[in-house]
Amino acid sequence: MKKYDRAAVLVIAVTLVLSTGCFLLRESGGKIVVFDESHNGDNEPLAVYNTPFSLSPADTELLREGIRLKNRVEVTRIIEDLGIE
């Protein structure tokens, strides 16, 4: 059985956590933008939705602040719930 030192195990664990990603859904310039936060320092959007949308003031504020999601399934669900294509 191969033994690993603690530092190597920690690096593997952090890599796995980062590779699962954390997505940020937010409003920017009247558009809905999705960012993949697992790519540190990468501010390029993963997706930009130009579809006009009308939301409640509370939902609008949430999108201004940004909604963090665990995976692409959650991103897809929110996009569908908001009626954005």
N, C-alpha and C. Protein backbone atom coordinates (compact mmCIF):
# COMPACT_ATOMS: atom_id res chain seq x y z
N MET A 1 0.84 -1.18 0.00
CA MET A 1 0.00 0.00 0.00
C MET A 1 0.88 1.25 0.00
N LYS A 2 0.60 2.15 -0.92
CA LYS A 2 1.39 3.37 -1.04
C LYS A 2 0.95 4.37 0.01
N LYS A 3 1.92 5.03 0.66
CA LYS A 3 1.61 6.05 1.66
C LYS A 3 1.80 7.44 1.04
N TYR A 4 0.92 8.35 1.42
CA TYR A 4 1.00 9.73 0.96
C TYR A 4 1.23 10.63 2.16
N ASP A 5 2.02 11.67 1.95
CA ASP A 5 2.19 12.60 3.06
C ASP A 5 0.97 13.53 3.14
N ARG A 6 0.82 14.16 4.25
CA ARG A 6 -0.37 14.99 4.52
C ARG A 6 -0.50 16.14 3.52
N ALA A 7 0.61 16.73 3.14
CA ALA A 7 0.58 17.85 2.20
C ALA A 7 0.02 17.39 0.85
N ALA A 8 0.43 16.23 0.39
CA ALA A 8 -0.05 15.72 -0.90
C ALA A 8 -1.55 15.44 -0.84
N VAL A 9 -2.00 14.88 0.27
CA VAL A 9 -3.42 14.59 0.43
C VAL A 9 -4.22 15.89 0.44
N LEU A 10 -3.69 16.91 1.11
CA LEU A 10 -4.36 18.21 1.16
C LEU A 10 -4.46 18.83 -0.23
N VAL A 11 -3.40 18.76 -1.00
CA VAL A 11 -3.40 19.30 -2.36
C VAL A 11 -4.45 18.58 -3.21
N ILE A 12 -4.53 17.27 -3.09
CA ILE A 12 -5.52 16.50 -3.84
C ILE A 12 -6.93 16.90 -3.41
N ALA A 13 -7.16 17.05 -2.12
CA ALA A 13 -8.48 17.42 -1.62
C ALA A 13 -8.90 18.79 -2.13
N VAL A 14 -7.99 19.76 -2.06
CA VAL A 14 -8.30 21.11 -2.53
C VAL A 14 -8.57 21.10 -4.03
N THR A 15 -7.79 20.35 -4.77
CA THR A 15 -7.99 20.24 -6.21
C THR A 15 -9.37 19.68 -6.53
N LEU A 16 -9.79 18.67 -5.79
CA LEU A 16 -11.11 18.08 -6.01
C LEU A 16 -12.22 19.08 -5.70
N VAL A 17 -12.06 19.82 -4.62
CA VAL A 17 -13.08 20.82 -4.26
C VAL A 17 -13.16 21.89 -5.33
N LEU A 18 -12.02 22.39 -5.78
CA LEU A 18 -12.02 23.43 -6.80
C LEU A 18 -12.54 22.93 -8.13
N SER A 19 -12.28 21.67 -8.47
CA SER A 19 -12.73 21.15 -9.75
C SER A 19 -14.24 20.95 -9.79
N THR A 20 -14.87 20.80 -8.64
CA THR A 20 -16.32 20.68 -8.63
C THR A 20 -16.96 22.04 -8.87
N GLY A 21 -16.22 23.08 -8.61
CA GLY A 21 -16.64 24.42 -8.97
C GLY A 21 -17.67 25.04 -8.06
N CYS A 22 -17.71 26.32 -8.17
CA CYS A 22 -18.72 27.13 -7.53
C CYS A 22 -19.09 28.17 -8.57
N PHE A 23 -20.35 28.23 -8.90
CA PHE A 23 -20.79 29.14 -9.95
C PHE A 23 -21.45 30.37 -9.34
N LEU A 24 -21.26 31.49 -9.99
CA LEU A 24 -21.86 32.74 -9.56
C LEU A 24 -22.77 33.23 -10.67
N LEU A 25 -24.03 33.43 -10.32
CA LEU A 25 -25.04 33.94 -11.26
C LEU A 25 -25.36 35.35 -10.82
N ARG A 26 -25.19 36.34 -11.73
CA ARG A 26 -25.49 37.71 -11.33
C ARG A 26 -25.90 38.54 -12.53
N GLU A 27 -26.51 39.68 -12.21
CA GLU A 27 -26.92 40.64 -13.23
C GLU A 27 -25.76 41.59 -13.48
N SER A 28 -25.54 41.86 -14.75
CA SER A 28 -24.49 42.81 -15.11
C SER A 28 -24.91 43.51 -16.40
N GLY A 29 -25.15 44.81 -16.31
CA GLY A 29 -25.53 45.58 -17.48
C GLY A 29 -26.84 45.13 -18.11
N GLY A 30 -27.78 44.69 -17.29
CA GLY A 30 -29.07 44.26 -17.80
C GLY A 30 -29.09 42.85 -18.35
N LYS A 31 -27.98 42.13 -18.17
CA LYS A 31 -27.88 40.75 -18.65
C LYS A 31 -27.61 39.83 -17.46
N ILE A 32 -27.98 38.56 -17.60
CA ILE A 32 -27.65 37.57 -16.59
C ILE A 32 -26.33 36.92 -17.02
N VAL A 33 -25.37 36.90 -16.11
CA VAL A 33 -24.04 36.39 -16.41
C VAL A 33 -23.71 35.27 -15.42
N VAL A 34 -23.10 34.20 -15.94
CA VAL A 34 -22.68 33.08 -15.10
C VAL A 34 -21.15 33.01 -15.13
N PHE A 35 -20.57 32.95 -13.94
CA PHE A 35 -19.12 32.81 -13.80
C PHE A 35 -18.81 31.49 -13.12
N ASP A 36 -17.71 30.87 -13.51
CA ASP A 36 -17.23 29.66 -12.85
C ASP A 36 -16.11 30.11 -11.92
N GLU A 37 -16.40 30.16 -10.61
CA GLU A 37 -15.43 30.67 -9.64
C GLU A 37 -14.31 29.69 -9.33
N SER A 38 -14.37 28.48 -9.86
CA SER A 38 -13.30 27.53 -9.59
C SER A 38 -12.04 27.91 -10.36
N HIS A 39 -12.17 28.79 -11.35
CA HIS A 39 -11.01 29.27 -12.09
C HIS A 39 -10.57 30.59 -11.48
N ASN A 40 -9.75 30.50 -10.46
CA ASN A 40 -9.31 31.68 -9.71
C ASN A 40 -8.71 32.73 -10.63
N GLY A 41 -9.20 33.95 -10.48
CA GLY A 41 -8.67 35.06 -11.25
C GLY A 41 -9.24 35.17 -12.66
N ASP A 42 -10.03 34.19 -13.07
CA ASP A 42 -10.62 34.22 -14.41
C ASP A 42 -11.96 34.94 -14.34
N ASN A 43 -12.02 36.17 -14.85
CA ASN A 43 -13.25 36.95 -14.79
C ASN A 43 -14.07 36.84 -16.07
N GLU A 44 -13.69 35.91 -16.94
CA GLU A 44 -14.45 35.71 -18.16
C GLU A 44 -15.73 34.95 -17.84
N PRO A 45 -16.87 35.43 -18.34
CA PRO A 45 -18.13 34.74 -18.07
C PRO A 45 -18.18 33.38 -18.75
N LEU A 46 -18.82 32.45 -18.08
CA LEU A 46 -19.07 31.13 -18.64
C LEU A 46 -20.24 31.22 -19.62
N ALA A 47 -21.22 32.06 -19.30
CA ALA A 47 -22.39 32.26 -20.16
C ALA A 47 -22.96 33.65 -19.91
N VAL A 48 -23.52 34.24 -20.97
CA VAL A 48 -24.19 35.53 -20.87
C VAL A 48 -25.56 35.37 -21.53
N TYR A 49 -26.60 35.72 -20.79
CA TYR A 49 -27.97 35.62 -21.29
C TYR A 49 -28.50 37.01 -21.57
N ASN A 50 -28.85 37.27 -22.82
CA ASN A 50 -29.34 38.58 -23.25
C ASN A 50 -30.85 38.69 -23.17
N THR A 51 -31.53 37.60 -22.82
CA THR A 51 -32.98 37.58 -22.77
C THR A 51 -33.50 38.62 -21.78
N PRO A 52 -34.43 39.48 -22.20
CA PRO A 52 -35.01 40.43 -21.25
C PRO A 52 -35.72 39.67 -20.12
N PHE A 53 -35.63 40.20 -18.94
CA PHE A 53 -36.26 39.55 -17.80
C PHE A 53 -36.89 40.59 -16.90
N SER A 54 -37.92 40.16 -16.21
CA SER A 54 -38.62 41.02 -15.27
C SER A 54 -38.73 40.26 -13.96
N LEU A 55 -38.13 40.81 -12.92
CA LEU A 55 -38.10 40.12 -11.63
C LEU A 55 -38.63 41.03 -10.53
N SER A 56 -38.97 40.40 -9.42
CA SER A 56 -39.38 41.17 -8.25
C SER A 56 -38.18 41.96 -7.75
N PRO A 57 -38.41 43.03 -6.99
CA PRO A 57 -37.30 43.80 -6.44
C PRO A 57 -36.35 42.92 -5.60
N ALA A 58 -36.90 41.97 -4.86
CA ALA A 58 -36.06 41.10 -4.02
C ALA A 58 -35.16 40.22 -4.90
N ASP A 59 -35.73 39.64 -5.97
CA ASP A 59 -34.93 38.80 -6.87
C ASP A 59 -33.89 39.63 -7.60
N THR A 60 -34.27 40.85 -7.98
CA THR A 60 -33.33 41.74 -8.66
C THR A 60 -32.14 42.04 -7.75
N GLU A 61 -32.41 42.29 -6.47
CA GLU A 61 -31.33 42.57 -5.52
C GLU A 61 -30.43 41.35 -5.34
N LEU A 62 -31.03 40.17 -5.26
CA LEU A 62 -30.24 38.94 -5.15
C LEU A 62 -29.29 38.79 -6.33
N LEU A 63 -29.80 39.06 -7.53
CA LEU A 63 -28.95 38.94 -8.72
C LEU A 63 -27.88 40.01 -8.77
N ARG A 64 -28.16 41.19 -8.24
CA ARG A 64 -27.14 42.24 -8.19
C ARG A 64 -25.98 41.80 -7.29
N GLU A 65 -26.35 41.20 -6.15
CA GLU A 65 -25.33 40.73 -5.22
C GLU A 65 -24.64 39.48 -5.73
N GLY A 66 -25.37 38.67 -6.47
CA GLY A 66 -24.84 37.42 -7.00
C GLY A 66 -25.36 36.23 -6.21
N ILE A 67 -25.71 35.18 -6.93
CA ILE A 67 -26.21 33.95 -6.32
C ILE A 67 -25.16 32.87 -6.56
N ARG A 68 -24.63 32.31 -5.48
CA ARG A 68 -23.63 31.24 -5.61
C ARG A 68 -24.34 29.89 -5.68
N LEU A 69 -23.89 29.08 -6.63
CA LEU A 69 -24.48 27.76 -6.86
C LEU A 69 -23.39 26.71 -6.88
N LYS A 70 -23.74 25.50 -6.44
CA LYS A 70 -22.73 24.44 -6.30
C LYS A 70 -22.35 23.76 -7.61
N ASN A 71 -23.29 23.67 -8.54
CA ASN A 71 -23.01 22.90 -9.74
C ASN A 71 -23.84 23.40 -10.92
N ARG A 72 -23.57 22.83 -12.09
CA ARG A 72 -24.26 23.25 -13.31
C ARG A 72 -25.75 22.92 -13.27
N VAL A 73 -26.12 21.87 -12.57
CA VAL A 73 -27.53 21.51 -12.45
C VAL A 73 -28.30 22.63 -11.76
N GLU A 74 -27.72 23.18 -10.68
CA GLU A 74 -28.35 24.30 -9.98
C GLU A 74 -28.42 25.53 -10.87
N VAL A 75 -27.37 25.78 -11.65
CA VAL A 75 -27.37 26.93 -12.56
C VAL A 75 -28.51 26.78 -13.56
N THR A 76 -28.62 25.60 -14.16
CA THR A 76 -29.67 25.34 -15.15
C THR A 76 -31.06 25.51 -14.53
N ARG A 77 -31.24 25.02 -13.31
CA ARG A 77 -32.54 25.11 -12.64
C ARG A 77 -32.93 26.58 -12.42
N ILE A 78 -31.99 27.39 -11.94
CA ILE A 78 -32.28 28.80 -11.68
C ILE A 78 -32.58 29.53 -13.00
N ILE A 79 -31.79 29.27 -14.03
CA ILE A 79 -32.01 29.89 -15.33
C ILE A 79 -33.42 29.55 -15.84
N GLU A 80 -33.81 28.29 -15.70
CA GLU A 80 -35.15 27.87 -16.12
C GLU A 80 -36.23 28.52 -15.26
N ASP A 81 -35.99 28.57 -13.95
CA ASP A 81 -36.97 29.19 -13.04
C ASP A 81 -37.19 30.67 -13.36
N LEU A 82 -36.12 31.34 -13.78
CA LEU A 82 -36.22 32.76 -14.13
C LEU A 82 -36.80 32.97 -15.53
N GLY A 83 -36.95 31.88 -16.28
CA GLY A 83 -37.50 31.99 -17.64
C GLY A 83 -36.53 32.61 -18.62
N ILE A 84 -35.24 32.39 -18.39
CA ILE A 84 -34.21 32.97 -19.25
C ILE A 84 -33.72 31.90 -20.21
N GLU A 85 -33.55 32.29 -21.46
CA GLU A 85 -33.07 31.35 -22.48
C GLU A 85 -31.69 31.70 -22.95
